[in-house]
C-alpha atoms as a PDB file:
ATOM      1  CA  MET A   1    -155.799  12.711  80.817  1.00  0.00           C
ATOM      2  CA  GLN A   2    -152.902  11.925  78.508  1.00  0.00           C
ATOM      3  CA  LYS A   3    -153.138   8.237  77.620  1.00  0.00           C
ATOM      4  CA  LYS A   4    -150.384   7.986  75.047  1.00  0.00           C
ATOM      5  CA  ILE A   5    -147.439   5.832  76.148  1.00  0.00           C
ATOM      6  CA  GLU A   6    -143.990   6.050  74.583  1.00  0.00           C
ATOM      7  CA  LEU A   7    -142.694   2.509  74.014  1.00  0.00           C
ATOM      8  CA  ILE A   8    -138.937   2.096  74.539  1.00  0.00           C
ATOM      9  CA  ASP A   9    -137.213  -1.240  73.857  1.00  0.00           C
ATOM     10  CA  LEU A  10    -133.685  -1.219  75.263  1.00  0.00           C
ATOM     11  CA  GLY A  11    -132.816  -4.749  74.142  1.00  0.00           C
ATOM     12  CA  GLU A  12    -130.246  -6.184  76.565  1.00  0.00           C
ATOM     13  CA  LYS A  13    -129.014  -3.584  79.028  1.00  0.00           C
ATOM     14  CA  ASP A  14    -127.184  -3.520  82.354  1.00  0.00           C
ATOM     15  CA  TYR A  15    -129.499  -3.396  85.378  1.00  0.00           C
ATOM     16  CA  LYS A  16    -127.926  -0.329  87.037  1.00  0.00           C
ATOM     17  CA  ASP A  17    -127.830   1.651  83.774  1.00  0.00           C
ATOM     18  CA  THR A  18    -131.512   0.831  83.206  1.00  0.00           C
ATOM     19  CA  TRP A  19    -132.408   1.730  86.794  1.00  0.00           C
ATOM     20  CA  ASP A  20    -130.689   5.119  86.363  1.00  0.00           C
ATOM     21  CA  TYR A  21    -132.599   5.648  83.101  1.00  0.00           C
ATOM     22  CA  GLN A  22    -135.885   4.750  84.801  1.00  0.00           C
ATOM     23  CA  GLU A  23    -135.142   7.191  87.620  1.00  0.00           C
ATOM     24  CA  LYS A  24    -134.452   9.961  85.113  1.00  0.00           C
ATOM     25  CA  LEU A  25    -137.802   9.463  83.332  1.00  0.00           C
ATOM     26  CA  PHE A  26    -139.637   8.964  86.620  1.00  0.00           C
ATOM     27  CA  GLN A  27    -138.176  12.155  88.124  1.00  0.00           C
ATOM     28  CA  SER A  28    -138.955  14.197  85.012  1.00  0.00           C
ATOM     29  CA  ILE A  29    -142.670  13.334  85.404  1.00  0.00           C
ATOM     30  CA  VAL A  30    -142.648  14.012  89.148  1.00  0.00           C
ATOM     31  CA  ASP A  31    -140.913  17.377  88.580  1.00  0.00           C
ATOM     32  CA  LEU A  32    -143.499  18.379  85.971  1.00  0.00           C
ATOM     33  CA  LYS A  33    -146.324  17.505  88.359  1.00  0.00           C
ATOM     34  CA  VAL A  34    -144.706  19.582  91.104  1.00  0.00           C
ATOM     35  CA  GLU A  35    -144.338  22.516  88.689  1.00  0.00           C
ATOM     36  CA  ASN A  36    -147.978  22.182  87.620  1.00  0.00           C
ATOM     37  CA  LYS A  37    -149.097  22.338  91.231  1.00  0.00           C
ATOM     38  CA  LYS A  38    -146.775  25.215  92.076  1.00  0.00           C
ATOM     39  CA  ASN A  39    -147.750  27.328  89.064  1.00  0.00           C
ATOM     40  CA  ASN A  40    -151.377  26.198  88.899  1.00  0.00           C
ATOM     41  CA  THR A  41    -150.791  24.930  85.347  1.00  0.00           C
ATOM     42  CA  GLN A  42    -152.001  21.785  83.592  1.00  0.00           C
ATOM     43  CA  LEU A  43    -149.144  20.775  81.315  1.00  0.00           C
ATOM     44  CA  SER A  44    -149.731  17.158  80.238  1.00  0.00           C
ATOM     45  CA  THR A  45    -147.391  14.555  81.699  1.00  0.00           C
ATOM     46  CA  PRO A  46    -145.779  11.867  79.524  1.00  0.00           C
ATOM     47  CA  ASN A  47    -145.982   8.111  80.076  1.00  0.00           C
ATOM     48  CA  TYR A  48    -143.312   5.570  79.184  1.00  0.00           C
ATOM     49  CA  PHE A  49    -143.090   1.786  78.910  1.00  0.00           C
ATOM     50  CA  ILE A  50    -139.643   0.184  78.832  1.00  0.00           C
ATOM     51  CA  PHE A  51    -138.925  -3.347  77.622  1.00  0.00           C
ATOM     52  CA  VAL A  52    -135.510  -4.732  78.566  1.00  0.00           C
ATOM     53  CA  GLU A  53    -133.526  -7.928  79.078  1.00  0.00           C
ATOM     54  CA  HIS A  54    -130.925  -7.790  81.836  1.00  0.00           C
ATOM     55  CA  PRO A  55    -127.681  -9.741  82.186  1.00  0.00           C
ATOM     56  CA  HIS A  56    -127.855 -12.089  85.218  1.00  0.00           C
ATOM     57  CA  VAL A  57    -128.780  -9.995  88.266  1.00  0.00           C
ATOM     58  CA  TYR A  58    -130.497 -10.406  91.628  1.00  0.00           C
ATOM     59  CA  THR A  59    -132.459  -7.478  93.082  1.00  0.00           C
ATOM     60  CA  LEU A  60    -133.804  -7.082  96.609  1.00  0.00           C
ATOM     61  CA  GLY A  61    -136.788  -4.824  97.369  1.00  0.00           C
ATOM     62  CA  LYS A  62    -136.698  -2.293 100.204  1.00  0.00           C
ATOM     63  CA  SER A  63    -138.601  -4.569 102.598  1.00  0.00           C
ATOM     64  CA  GLY A  64    -136.750  -7.705 101.462  1.00  0.00           C
ATOM     65  CA  ASP A  65    -134.617 -10.047 103.561  1.00  0.00           C
ATOM     66  CA  LEU A  66    -130.998 -10.391 102.433  1.00  0.00           C
ATOM     67  CA  SER A  67    -130.931 -13.958 103.772  1.00  0.00           C
ATOM     68  CA  ASN A  68    -133.144 -14.901 100.808  1.00  0.00           C
ATOM     69  CA  LEU A  69    -130.022 -14.534  98.619  1.00  0.00           C
ATOM     70  CA  LEU A  70    -128.180 -17.842  98.978  1.00  0.00           C
ATOM     71  CA  LEU A  71    -124.896 -16.703  97.398  1.00  0.00           C
ATOM     72  CA  ASN A  72    -121.949 -14.688  98.700  1.00  0.00           C
ATOM     73  CA  GLU A  73    -120.042 -12.124  96.609  1.00  0.00           C
ATOM     74  CA  GLU A  74    -117.541 -14.668  95.313  1.00  0.00           C
ATOM     75  CA  GLN A  75    -120.282 -17.101  94.258  1.00  0.00           C
ATOM     76  CA  LEU A  76    -122.162 -14.273  92.522  1.00  0.00           C
ATOM     77  CA  ALA A  77    -119.037 -13.462  90.522  1.00  0.00           C
ATOM     78  CA  GLN A  78    -118.565 -17.132  89.594  1.00  0.00           C
ATOM     79  CA  LYS A  79    -122.091 -17.179  88.152  1.00  0.00           C
ATOM     80  CA  GLY A  80    -121.531 -13.935  86.257  1.00  0.00           C
ATOM     81  CA  ALA A  81    -124.293 -12.257  88.280  1.00  0.00           C
ATOM     82  CA  THR A  82    -124.611  -8.933  90.069  1.00  0.00           C
ATOM     83  CA  PHE A  83    -126.734  -7.890  93.063  1.00  0.00           C
ATOM     84  CA  TYR A  84    -128.567  -4.654  93.916  1.00  0.00           C
ATOM     85  CA  LYS A  85    -130.729  -3.548  96.825  1.00  0.00           C
ATOM     86  CA  ILE A  86    -133.343  -1.299  95.238  1.00  0.00           C
ATOM     87  CA  ASN A  87    -136.291   0.971  96.006  1.00  0.00           C
ATOM     88  CA  ARG A  88    -139.236  -1.108  94.783  1.00  0.00           C
ATOM     89  CA  GLY A  89    -141.626  -3.142  96.879  1.00  0.00           C
ATOM     90  CA  GLY A  90    -141.295  -6.900  97.211  1.00  0.00           C
ATOM     91  CA  ASP A  91    -138.460  -9.186  98.222  1.00  0.00           C
ATOM     92  CA  ILE A  92    -135.754 -10.788  96.090  1.00  0.00           C
ATOM     93  CA  THR A  93    -135.996 -11.747  92.438  1.00  0.00           C
ATOM     94  CA  TYR A  94    -133.797 -12.693  89.514  1.00  0.00           C
ATOM     95  CA  HIS A  95    -133.495 -11.097  86.081  1.00  0.00           C
ATOM     96  CA  GLY A  96    -131.596 -12.542  83.160  1.00  0.00           C
ATOM     97  CA  PRO A  97    -131.457 -13.307  79.438  1.00  0.00           C
ATOM     98  CA  GLY A  98    -134.632 -14.837  78.038  1.00  0.00           C
ATOM     99  CA  GLN A  99    -136.809 -12.953  80.501  1.00  0.00           C
ATOM    100  CA  ILE A 100    -139.016 -10.041  79.447  1.00  0.00           C
ATOM    101  CA  VAL A 101    -138.821  -7.192  81.935  1.00  0.00           C
ATOM    102  CA  GLY A 102    -141.378  -4.419  81.604  1.00  0.00           C
ATOM    103  CA  TYR A 103    -141.064  -1.072  83.362  1.00  0.00           C
ATOM    104  CA  PRO A 104    -144.182   1.108  82.955  1.00  0.00           C
ATOM    105  CA  ILE A 105    -143.357   4.653  84.054  1.00  0.00           C
ATOM    106  CA  LEU A 106    -146.841   6.115  84.129  1.00  0.00           C
ATOM    107  CA  ASP A 107    -148.517   9.112  85.659  1.00  0.00           C
ATOM    108  CA  LEU A 108    -151.514   7.308  87.136  1.00  0.00           C
ATOM    109  CA  ASP A 109    -153.362  10.645  87.186  1.00  0.00           C
ATOM    110  CA  ASN A 110    -153.652   9.960  83.450  1.00  0.00           C
ATOM    111  CA  PHE A 111    -155.383   6.625  84.120  1.00  0.00           C
ATOM    112  CA  PHE A 112    -156.667   5.959  87.654  1.00  0.00           C
ATOM    113  CA  THR A 113    -155.247   6.683  91.091  1.00  0.00           C
ATOM    114  CA  ASP A 114    -155.431   3.237  92.639  1.00  0.00           C
ATOM    115  CA  ILE A 115    -152.229   1.256  93.273  1.00  0.00           C
ATOM    116  CA  HIS A 116    -154.088  -1.975  94.054  1.00  0.00           C
ATOM    117  CA  LYS A 117    -155.940  -1.719  90.729  1.00  0.00           C
ATOM    118  CA  TYR A 118    -152.673  -0.912  88.949  1.00  0.00           C
ATOM    119  CA  LEU A 119    -151.001  -4.092  90.270  1.00  0.00           C
ATOM    120  CA  ARG A 120    -154.037  -6.209  89.386  1.00  0.00           C
ATOM    121  CA  PHE A 121    -154.026  -4.730  85.858  1.00  0.00           C
ATOM    122  CA  LEU A 122    -150.335  -5.618  85.411  1.00  0.00           C
ATOM    123  CA  GLU A 123    -151.136  -9.174  86.474  1.00  0.00           C
ATOM    124  CA  GLU A 124    -154.128  -9.258  84.118  1.00  0.00           C
ATOM    125  CA  VAL A 125    -151.952  -8.194  81.178  1.00  0.00           C
ATOM    126  CA  ILE A 126    -149.730 -11.226  81.776  1.00  0.00           C
ATOM    127  CA  ILE A 127    -152.670 -13.578  82.423  1.00  0.00           C
ATOM    128  CA  LYS A 128    -154.235 -12.567  79.091  1.00  0.00           C
ATOM    129  CA  THR A 129    -150.893 -12.893  77.289  1.00  0.00           C
ATOM    130  CA  LEU A 130    -150.358 -16.421  78.631  1.00  0.00           C
ATOM    131  CA  GLU A 131    -153.915 -17.358  77.639  1.00  0.00           C
ATOM    132  CA  GLU A 132    -152.858 -16.855  74.019  1.00  0.00           C
ATOM    133  CA  TYR A 133    -150.383 -19.695  74.502  1.00  0.00           C
ATOM    134  CA  GLY A 134    -152.997 -21.987  76.031  1.00  0.00           C
ATOM    135  CA  ILE A 135    -151.636 -21.466  79.549  1.00  0.00           C
ATOM    136  CA  LYS A 136    -154.124 -20.892  82.360  1.00  0.00           C
ATOM    137  CA  SER A 137    -152.537 -18.640  84.973  1.00  0.00           C
ATOM    138  CA  GLU A 138    -153.945 -16.774  87.944  1.00  0.00           C
ATOM    139  CA  ARG A 139    -153.255 -14.709  91.026  1.00  0.00           C
ATOM    140  CA  SER A 140    -152.283 -16.264  94.349  1.00  0.00           C
ATOM    141  CA  GLU A 141    -153.995 -14.616  97.315  1.00  0.00           C
ATOM    142  CA  GLY A 142    -151.580 -12.531  99.373  1.00  0.00           C
ATOM    143  CA  GLU A 143    -148.770 -12.942  96.820  1.00  0.00           C
ATOM    144  CA  THR A 144    -148.229 -10.556  93.921  1.00  0.00           C
ATOM    145  CA  GLY A 145    -147.344 -11.874  90.505  1.00  0.00           C
ATOM    146  CA  VAL A 146    -148.783 -14.493  88.184  1.00  0.00           C
ATOM    147  CA  TRP A 147    -148.903 -18.187  89.058  1.00  0.00           C
ATOM    148  CA  LEU A 148    -149.850 -21.588  87.640  1.00  0.00           C
ATOM    149  CA  ASP A 149    -151.683 -24.353  89.530  1.00  0.00           C
ATOM    150  CA  VAL A 150    -152.380 -22.188  92.592  1.00  0.00           C
ATOM    151  CA  GLY A 151    -153.512 -24.159  95.634  1.00  0.00           C
ATOM    152  CA  THR A 152    -151.822 -27.375  94.515  1.00  0.00           C
ATOM    153  CA  PRO A 153    -148.416 -28.903  95.395  1.00  0.00           C
ATOM    154  CA  PHE A 154    -147.372 -27.915  91.857  1.00  0.00           C
ATOM    155  CA  ALA A 155    -147.903 -24.150  92.284  1.00  0.00           C
ATOM    156  CA  ARG A 156    -145.244 -22.236  90.363  1.00  0.00           C
ATOM    157  CA  LYS A 157    -144.608 -18.604  89.561  1.00  0.00           C
ATOM    158  CA  ILE A 158    -144.101 -17.430  86.004  1.00  0.00           C
ATOM    159  CA  CYS A 159    -144.109 -13.638  86.478  1.00  0.00           C
ATOM    160  CA  ALA A 160    -142.861 -11.466  89.358  1.00  0.00           C
ATOM    161  CA  LEU A 161    -144.103  -7.944  90.174  1.00  0.00           C
ATOM    162  CA  GLY A 162    -142.577  -5.113  92.159  1.00  0.00           C
ATOM    163  CA  VAL A 163    -143.291  -1.395  91.814  1.00  0.00           C
ATOM    164  CA  ARG A 164    -142.522   1.959  93.349  1.00  0.00           C
ATOM    165  CA  THR A 165    -144.846   4.981  93.233  1.00  0.00           C
ATOM    166  CA  SER A 166    -144.527   8.601  94.238  1.00  0.00           C
ATOM    167  CA  ARG A 167    -147.081  11.327  93.492  1.00  0.00           C
ATOM    168  CA  TRP A 168    -148.973   8.646  91.530  1.00  0.00           C
ATOM    169  CA  VAL A 169    -145.993   8.106  89.206  1.00  0.00           C
ATOM    170  CA  THR A 170    -144.896   4.468  88.810  1.00  0.00           C
ATOM    171  CA  MET A 171    -141.574   2.752  88.151  1.00  0.00           C
ATOM    172  CA  HIS A 172    -140.136  -0.786  88.184  1.00  0.00           C
ATOM    173  CA  GLY A 173    -142.725  -3.352  87.058  1.00  0.00           C
ATOM    174  CA  PHE A 174    -142.845  -7.013  86.052  1.00  0.00           C
ATOM    175  CA  ALA A 175    -140.537  -9.828  84.936  1.00  0.00           C
ATOM    176  CA  LEU A 176    -142.003 -12.623  82.798  1.00  0.00           C
ATOM    177  CA  ASN A 177    -139.966 -15.800  82.398  1.00  0.00           C
ATOM    178  CA  VAL A 178    -140.070 -16.680  78.705  1.00  0.00           C
ATOM    179  CA  ASN A 179    -136.874 -18.584  77.839  1.00  0.00           C
ATOM    180  CA  ALA A 180    -135.013 -17.783  81.072  1.00  0.00           C
ATOM    181  CA  ASN A 181    -132.460 -20.139  82.645  1.00  0.00           C
ATOM    182  CA  LEU A 182    -134.510 -21.217  85.672  1.00  0.00           C
ATOM    183  CA  GLY A 183    -131.423 -22.648  87.382  1.00  0.00           C
ATOM    184  CA  TYR A 184    -130.542 -19.123  88.526  1.00  0.00           C
ATOM    185  CA  PHE A 185    -133.650 -19.111  90.733  1.00  0.00           C
ATOM    186  CA  ASP A 186    -132.082 -21.942  92.784  1.00  0.00           C
ATOM    187  CA  ASN A 187    -129.746 -19.358  94.301  1.00  0.00           C
ATOM    188  CA  ILE A 188    -132.545 -17.410  96.002  1.00  0.00           C
ATOM    189  CA  ILE A 189    -135.772 -17.924  97.893  1.00  0.00           C
ATOM    190  CA  PRO A 190    -137.868 -16.223  95.159  1.00  0.00           C
ATOM    191  CA  CYS A 191    -139.879 -13.307  96.550  1.00  0.00           C
ATOM    192  CA  GLY A 192    -139.080 -14.699 100.015  1.00  0.00           C
ATOM    193  CA  ILE A 193    -141.632 -17.498  99.546  1.00  0.00           C
ATOM    194  CA  LYS A 194    -140.219 -20.877 100.558  1.00  0.00           C
ATOM    195  CA  GLY A 195    -141.235 -24.086  98.843  1.00  0.00           C
ATOM    196  CA  LYS A 196    -142.674 -22.474  95.707  1.00  0.00           C
ATOM    197  CA  ALA A 197    -141.254 -23.303  92.294  1.00  0.00           C
ATOM    198  CA  VAL A 198    -140.757 -21.021  89.291  1.00  0.00           C
ATOM    199  CA  THR A 199    -141.465 -21.754  85.654  1.00  0.00           C
ATOM    200  CA  SER A 200    -141.270 -20.189  82.203  1.00  0.00           C
ATOM    201  CA  LEU A 201    -143.136 -20.222  78.913  1.00  0.00           C
ATOM    202  CA  GLU A 202    -140.387 -22.414  77.482  1.00  0.00           C
ATOM    203  CA  ALA A 203    -140.706 -24.933  80.343  1.00  0.00           C
ATOM    204  CA  GLU A 204    -144.509 -25.070  80.032  1.00  0.00           C
ATOM    205  CA  LEU A 205    -144.607 -25.347  76.229  1.00  0.00           C
ATOM    206  CA  ASN A 206    -141.396 -27.358  75.856  1.00  0.00           C
ATOM    207  CA  LYS A 207    -140.124 -24.970  73.196  1.00  0.00           C
ATOM    208  CA  LYS A 208    -138.510 -21.560  72.958  1.00  0.00           C
ATOM    209  CA  VAL A 209    -140.854 -18.649  72.304  1.00  0.00           C
ATOM    210  CA  PRO A 210    -139.785 -15.531  70.320  1.00  0.00           C
ATOM    211  CA  LEU A 211    -139.484 -12.616  72.759  1.00  0.00           C
ATOM    212  CA  ASN A 212    -140.750 -10.054  70.233  1.00  0.00           C
ATOM    213  CA  GLU A 213    -143.905 -12.105  69.717  1.00  0.00           C
ATOM    214  CA  VAL A 214    -144.590 -12.089  73.472  1.00  0.00           C
ATOM    215  CA  LYS A 215    -143.853  -8.355  73.711  1.00  0.00           C
ATOM    216  CA  GLU A 216    -146.438  -7.647  71.004  1.00  0.00           C
ATOM    217  CA  LYS A 217    -149.078  -9.567  72.940  1.00  0.00           C
ATOM    218  CA  ILE A 218    -148.148  -7.760  76.177  1.00  0.00           C
ATOM    219  CA  THR A 219    -148.468  -4.302  74.594  1.00  0.00           C
ATOM    220  CA  LYS A 220    -151.778  -5.259  72.962  1.00  0.00           C
ATOM    221  CA  HIS A 221    -153.330  -6.335  76.262  1.00  0.00           C
ATOM    222  CA  PHE A 222    -151.747  -3.417  78.132  1.00  0.00           C
ATOM    223  CA  SER A 223    -153.229  -0.872  75.726  1.00  0.00           C
ATOM    224  CA  GLU A 224    -156.668  -2.537  75.951  1.00  0.00           C
ATOM    225  CA  LEU A 225    -156.755  -2.695  79.756  1.00  0.00           C
ATOM    226  CA  PHE A 226    -155.332   0.789  80.327  1.00  0.00           C
ATOM    227  CA  GLU A 227    -157.303   2.228  77.364  1.00  0.00           C
ATOM    228  CA  ALA A 228    -154.035   3.662  76.130  1.00  0.00           C
ATOM    229  CA  SER A 229    -152.165   3.878  72.845  1.00  0.00           C
ATOM    230  CA  PHE A 230    -148.447   3.215  72.331  1.00  0.00           C
ATOM    231  CA  ILE A 231    -146.338   5.629  70.318  1.00  0.00           C
END
């Protein structure tokens, strides 16, 4: 089991370009696994973890409802945003500057073959990261992601999750609102869940938080939970 993970920070990068890059890495792992099976070999498969910030973009998961996007093409253009229907799970979400997006592209055969556990671990990474800022966050039953004040009228989501897997290889991942412009969420029904607010680290702490500082905490907790090392 190869538990080294190559860390790639793309800075700010276009959503479609990043998606294509993800697909390339994802497919290279899948192809190697197919070759291993075909040739009865055991060549070790790589793992990757991408950090990125996207320009304003809305993405809709394969089971999502387009009516959860409240803008037409012209309004999208006016807001400087793009839209893509993509191949992850989940409904609609927003990505933009000030938000940390993490795309783990892992061969789960190197860790554990359990998608439910994988999603819970991603949530736990964020929960532990937020704890370091004095923020108590949790899961909301039946809804992926990380939330604050679950079960109250003030419930709000701070991190969205959506993944795709094939042959136990993962792609897509999570989006944590750090210093994001939350006004862009007003143009969608986030994750298709009506009446639920969104928040960010900046909104909760009333100050901007350095993205690199948050990324360091995320990778620390990720490596601990997955018993992995970043290279």
